[in-house]
């Protein structure tokens, strides 16, 4: 069995929002100086899911490879899935991907997975922690012509089928789907494992497979954004205080209730 994991390098979401600035003219976020990138946390959940499937098979006959598309990769960051136990890291590194939207990213990831051979499972995080759009996994499934199951908290594979527990508001849904399939993994799966010292040393010796857009038969025209960002700004915080005071407590309560009703709050 071959498992592909799609992972994304993002700015550390633990950086305080107050440190971010927005260039409204260029419609882009200006990262704070010295802020280090990390692998998207939800994608690490997907890595953990793939490794658990391999563990359940006794570690035999299961290959777990990680794919990422972007530019300016920090190798020490992107090698974390390798230090956790993944077998290979495939990076599509091209400056044109710095401004790629979800559709372009999905096209590139699907092309990289397809170029690398046949896969039984493609696992992705439920969403990225920078834009929170959750569009790329669905796009990958569309470009590969595969079904997509979202929000998995548990995945078991047996007899050519994946049995998936999905986390939904107020309930857990269990579905079964034949392989191959694209699955998005939720944080309800549990915390990703910590890299061991042996894993870190092994990851240091592994070199990622570098892929260019030309290798995928993709050019700049294929990466034209399908979505246009018209405005990007920091949310404005506005707070007003209105004092409602009656002749006594009962009158103040009556006036407050009337005011709330006027605002359609009650």
Protein backbone atom coordinates (compact mmCIF):
# COMPACT_ATOMS: atom_id res chain seq x y z
CA UNK A 1 0.00 0.00 0.00
CA UNK A 2 1.20 3.50 -0.83
CA UNK A 3 0.02 6.53 1.15
CA UNK A 4 0.56 10.12 0.00
CA UNK A 5 0.37 12.96 2.52
CA UNK A 6 -0.14 16.56 1.34
CA UNK A 7 1.55 19.06 3.67
CA UNK A 8 1.96 22.83 3.63
CA UNK A 9 4.55 25.18 5.09
CA UNK A 10 2.83 28.03 6.95
CA UNK A 11 3.74 30.79 9.35
CA UNK A 12 3.57 29.65 12.95
CA UNK A 13 -0.07 30.21 14.02
CA UNK A 14 1.15 30.80 17.58
CA UNK A 15 2.60 34.16 16.53
CA UNK A 16 0.43 36.86 18.20
CA UNK A 17 -1.96 38.51 15.70
CA UNK A 18 -0.80 41.92 16.87
CA UNK A 19 2.58 41.28 15.23
CA UNK A 20 1.10 40.81 11.75
CA UNK A 21 0.74 43.69 9.33
CA UNK A 22 -1.27 43.90 6.15
CA UNK A 23 -0.15 45.64 2.97
CA UNK A 24 -3.59 46.69 1.77
CA UNK A 25 -2.30 48.03 -1.56
CA UNK A 26 -0.56 44.75 -2.42
CA UNK A 27 -3.30 42.72 -0.67
CA UNK A 28 -0.86 40.54 1.22
CA UNK A 29 0.12 39.76 4.78
CA UNK A 30 3.51 41.03 5.88
CA UNK A 31 4.97 38.42 8.25
CA UNK A 32 6.65 39.68 11.41
CA UNK A 33 10.46 39.75 11.26
CA UNK A 34 12.05 36.54 12.46
CA UNK A 35 8.78 34.57 12.52
CA UNK A 36 9.62 30.95 11.75
CA UNK A 37 7.45 28.77 9.51
CA UNK A 38 6.08 25.40 10.59
CA UNK A 39 4.34 22.48 8.94
CA UNK A 40 0.59 23.09 9.06
CA UNK A 41 -0.67 21.39 12.22
CA UNK A 42 -3.64 19.70 10.54
CA UNK A 43 -1.26 18.22 7.96
CA UNK A 44 0.77 16.71 10.80
CA UNK A 45 -2.48 15.02 11.88
CA UNK A 46 -2.61 13.53 8.37
CA UNK A 47 0.99 12.34 8.72
CA UNK A 48 0.08 10.72 12.03
CA UNK A 49 -2.93 9.01 10.41
CA UNK A 50 -0.71 7.56 7.66
CA UNK A 51 1.86 6.33 10.17
CA UNK A 52 -0.85 4.70 12.30
CA UNK A 53 -2.10 2.80 9.25
CA UNK A 54 1.45 1.61 8.63
CA UNK A 55 1.83 0.64 12.31
CA UNK A 56 -1.42 -1.34 12.15
CA UNK A 57 0.01 -3.30 9.20
CA UNK A 58 3.07 -4.18 11.24
CA UNK A 59 5.22 -1.66 9.39
CA UNK A 60 5.45 -3.95 6.37
CA UNK A 61 4.32 -3.23 2.83
CA UNK A 62 3.16 0.34 3.56
CA UNK A 63 4.98 3.35 2.08
CA UNK A 64 4.24 6.82 3.45
CA UNK A 65 5.41 9.76 1.31
CA UNK A 66 4.86 13.49 1.87
CA UNK A 67 4.18 16.02 -0.90
CA UNK A 68 4.30 19.80 -0.71
CA UNK A 69 4.02 22.63 -3.23
CA UNK A 70 5.35 26.15 -2.68
CA UNK A 71 8.52 28.20 -2.62
CA UNK A 72 11.13 29.17 -0.07
CA UNK A 73 10.98 25.89 1.81
CA UNK A 74 12.89 25.67 5.08
CA UNK A 75 14.30 22.16 4.99
CA UNK A 76 14.57 21.75 8.75
CA UNK A 77 10.86 22.51 8.92
CA UNK A 78 9.70 20.39 6.00
CA UNK A 79 11.71 17.40 7.18
CA UNK A 80 9.61 17.07 10.34
CA UNK A 81 7.30 14.44 8.74
CA UNK A 82 10.45 12.47 7.87
CA UNK A 83 11.62 12.66 11.47
CA UNK A 84 8.19 11.38 12.53
CA UNK A 85 8.68 8.34 10.31
CA UNK A 86 7.59 9.18 6.76
CA UNK A 87 9.63 7.50 4.02
CA UNK A 88 10.12 10.23 1.41
CA UNK A 89 9.57 13.96 0.95
CA UNK A 90 8.62 15.32 -2.50
CA UNK A 91 8.78 19.11 -2.92
CA UNK A 92 7.46 21.08 -5.88
CA UNK A 93 9.52 24.23 -5.46
CA UNK A 94 8.88 27.11 -7.85
CA UNK A 95 8.65 30.91 -7.35
CA UNK A 96 5.39 30.91 -9.29
CA UNK A 97 3.78 28.97 -6.43
CA UNK A 98 4.38 31.76 -3.90
CA UNK A 99 1.09 33.38 -4.91
CA UNK A 100 -0.79 30.26 -6.01
CA UNK A 101 -4.43 29.99 -4.99
CA UNK A 102 -6.15 26.82 -3.81
CA UNK A 103 -6.98 25.64 -7.33
CA UNK A 104 -3.41 26.02 -8.58
CA UNK A 105 -2.00 24.35 -5.47
CA UNK A 106 -4.39 21.42 -5.84
CA UNK A 107 -3.44 21.04 -9.52
CA UNK A 108 0.26 20.94 -8.69
CA UNK A 109 -0.10 18.52 -5.77
CA UNK A 110 -2.29 16.19 -7.83
CA UNK A 111 0.25 16.30 -10.65
CA UNK A 112 3.12 15.50 -8.28
CA UNK A 113 1.26 12.56 -6.74
CA UNK A 114 0.34 11.24 -10.18
CA UNK A 115 3.92 11.61 -11.43
CA UNK A 116 5.21 9.58 -8.47
CA UNK A 117 3.05 6.56 -9.27
CA UNK A 118 -0.11 4.89 -8.06
CA UNK A 119 -1.33 5.63 -4.54
CA UNK A 120 -4.04 3.91 -2.50
CA UNK A 121 -4.62 6.74 -0.01
CA UNK A 122 -4.08 10.48 -0.28
CA UNK A 123 -4.33 12.11 3.14
CA UNK A 124 -4.56 15.86 3.78
CA UNK A 125 -5.14 18.05 6.80
CA UNK A 126 -8.71 19.31 7.16
CA UNK A 127 -7.56 22.87 6.35
CA UNK A 128 -4.51 25.13 6.45
CA UNK A 129 -3.95 27.30 9.51
CA UNK A 130 -3.16 30.43 7.47
CA UNK A 131 -6.26 30.90 5.28
CA UNK A 132 -8.54 28.16 6.72
CA UNK A 133 -10.21 27.58 3.35
CA UNK A 134 -10.16 23.74 3.27
CA UNK A 135 -10.34 23.82 -0.54
CA UNK A 136 -7.08 22.15 -1.60
CA UNK A 137 -7.91 18.54 -0.58
CA UNK A 138 -11.21 18.67 -2.46
CA UNK A 139 -9.38 20.07 -5.49
CA UNK A 140 -6.75 17.32 -5.32
CA UNK A 141 -9.53 14.72 -5.35
CA UNK A 142 -11.17 16.45 -8.33
CA UNK A 143 -7.94 16.59 -10.37
CA UNK A 144 -7.20 12.92 -9.60
CA UNK A 145 -10.77 11.84 -10.29
CA UNK A 146 -11.14 10.27 -6.82
CA UNK A 147 -13.81 10.38 -4.11
CA UNK A 148 -13.11 12.62 -1.11
CA UNK A 149 -14.12 11.99 2.50
CA UNK A 150 -13.63 14.86 4.92
CA UNK A 151 -13.10 15.36 8.66
CA UNK A 152 -11.79 11.89 9.54
CA UNK A 153 -10.98 11.17 13.18
CA UNK A 154 -10.21 7.49 12.63
CA UNK A 155 -9.15 5.57 9.51
CA UNK A 156 -8.83 1.81 9.19
CA UNK A 157 -7.94 0.01 5.97
CA UNK A 158 -8.93 -3.58 5.20
CA UNK A 159 -9.65 -5.63 2.09
CA UNK A 160 -9.18 -2.72 -0.30
CA UNK A 161 -11.56 -0.43 1.58
CA UNK A 162 -11.15 2.46 4.01
CA UNK A 163 -13.48 2.69 6.98
CA UNK A 164 -13.64 6.27 8.22
CA UNK A 165 -15.17 7.84 11.31
CA UNK A 166 -16.10 11.44 10.50
CA UNK A 167 -16.46 14.18 13.11
CA UNK A 168 -19.62 16.21 12.50
CA UNK A 169 -21.44 18.69 14.76
CA UNK A 170 -23.15 16.66 17.47
CA UNK A 171 -22.49 13.25 15.95
CA UNK A 172 -19.94 10.81 14.52
CA UNK A 173 -20.59 9.35 11.06
CA UNK A 174 -18.97 6.13 9.86
CA UNK A 175 -18.52 5.59 6.12
CA UNK A 176 -16.77 2.96 4.03
CA UNK A 177 -15.22 3.69 0.65
CA UNK A 178 -13.13 1.63 -1.79
CA UNK A 179 -9.53 2.60 -2.43
CA UNK A 180 -8.09 4.82 -3.83
CA UNK A 181 -9.59 7.79 -2.00
CA UNK A 182 -8.67 11.26 -0.74
CA UNK A 183 -9.31 11.79 2.98
CA UNK A 184 -8.98 14.94 5.05
CA UNK A 185 -7.90 14.34 8.64
CA UNK A 186 -9.21 16.37 11.57
CA UNK A 187 -7.38 17.21 14.78
CA UNK A 188 -9.80 14.89 16.63
CA UNK A 189 -7.53 12.08 15.42
CA UNK A 190 -5.19 13.01 18.28
CA UNK A 191 -1.81 14.63 18.75
CA UNK A 192 0.88 13.80 16.19
CA UNK A 193 3.75 11.75 17.57
CA UNK A 194 6.95 13.48 18.61
CA UNK A 195 10.01 12.83 16.45
CA UNK A 196 12.53 10.54 18.13
CA UNK A 197 16.25 11.24 18.16
CA UNK A 198 16.76 8.33 15.78
CA UNK A 199 14.05 9.74 13.50
CA UNK A 200 15.63 13.20 13.51
CA UNK A 201 19.03 11.75 12.63
CA UNK A 202 17.52 9.61 9.86
CA UNK A 203 15.65 12.62 8.45
CA UNK A 204 18.89 14.61 8.38
CA UNK A 205 20.40 12.01 6.04
CA UNK A 206 17.43 11.98 3.65
CA UNK A 207 17.30 14.41 0.76
CA UNK A 208 13.92 15.54 -0.59
CA UNK A 209 12.93 14.77 -4.16
CA UNK A 210 12.80 18.15 -5.92
CA UNK A 211 10.23 18.57 -8.69
CA UNK A 212 9.74 21.51 -11.05
CA UNK A 213 6.51 22.63 -12.70
CA UNK A 214 7.94 21.64 -16.07
CA UNK A 215 8.23 18.05 -14.81
CA UNK A 216 4.46 18.09 -14.27
CA UNK A 217 3.65 19.63 -17.64
CA UNK A 218 2.36 22.78 -15.90
CA UNK A 219 3.26 26.32 -16.92
CA UNK A 220 2.48 29.75 -15.52
CA UNK A 221 -0.75 30.02 -17.52
CA UNK A 222 -2.13 27.04 -15.58
CA UNK A 223 -1.56 28.86 -12.30
CA UNK A 224 -3.66 31.96 -13.01
CA UNK A 225 -5.83 32.39 -9.88
CA UNK A 226 -9.47 31.39 -10.23
CA UNK A 227 -10.36 33.55 -7.25
CA UNK A 228 -9.70 37.28 -7.12
CA UNK A 229 -8.80 38.83 -3.79
CA UNK A 230 -10.41 42.27 -3.84
CA UNK A 231 -9.50 43.49 -0.35
CA UNK A 232 -7.35 42.40 2.57
CA UNK A 233 -7.35 44.39 5.79
CA UNK A 234 -7.05 44.07 9.54
CA UNK A 235 -10.50 43.83 11.18
CA UNK A 236 -11.59 47.07 12.73
CA UNK A 237 -12.49 46.92 16.40
CA UNK A 238 -15.32 49.25 17.24
CA UNK A 239 -16.91 49.41 20.66
CA UNK A 240 -19.67 51.71 21.84
CA UNK A 241 -21.27 51.87 25.25
CA UNK A 242 -24.85 52.95 25.87
CA UNK A 243 -25.99 53.54 29.43
CA UNK A 244 -29.66 52.74 29.99
CA UNK A 245 -30.96 54.08 33.27
CA UNK A 246 -34.53 54.27 34.47
CA UNK A 247 -36.21 55.72 37.54
CA UNK A 248 -35.54 52.50 39.47
CA UNK A 249 -34.22 48.97 38.88
CA UNK A 250 -37.51 47.72 37.46
CA UNK A 251 -37.76 50.66 35.06
CA UNK A 252 -34.11 50.16 33.99
CA UNK A 253 -34.80 46.48 33.26
CA UNK A 254 -37.87 47.38 31.19
CA UNK A 255 -35.93 49.96 29.17
CA UNK A 256 -33.04 47.56 28.64
CA UNK A 257 -35.36 44.82 27.39
CA UNK A 258 -37.01 47.26 24.97
CA UNK A 259 -33.60 48.39 23.67
CA UNK A 260 -32.44 44.82 23.13
CA UNK A 261 -35.66 44.06 21.31
CA UNK A 262 -35.13 47.04 19.02
CA UNK A 263 -31.68 45.65 18.12
CA UNK A 264 -33.27 42.23 17.51
CA UNK A 265 -31.04 40.68 20.17
CA UNK A 266 -33.98 39.15 22.02
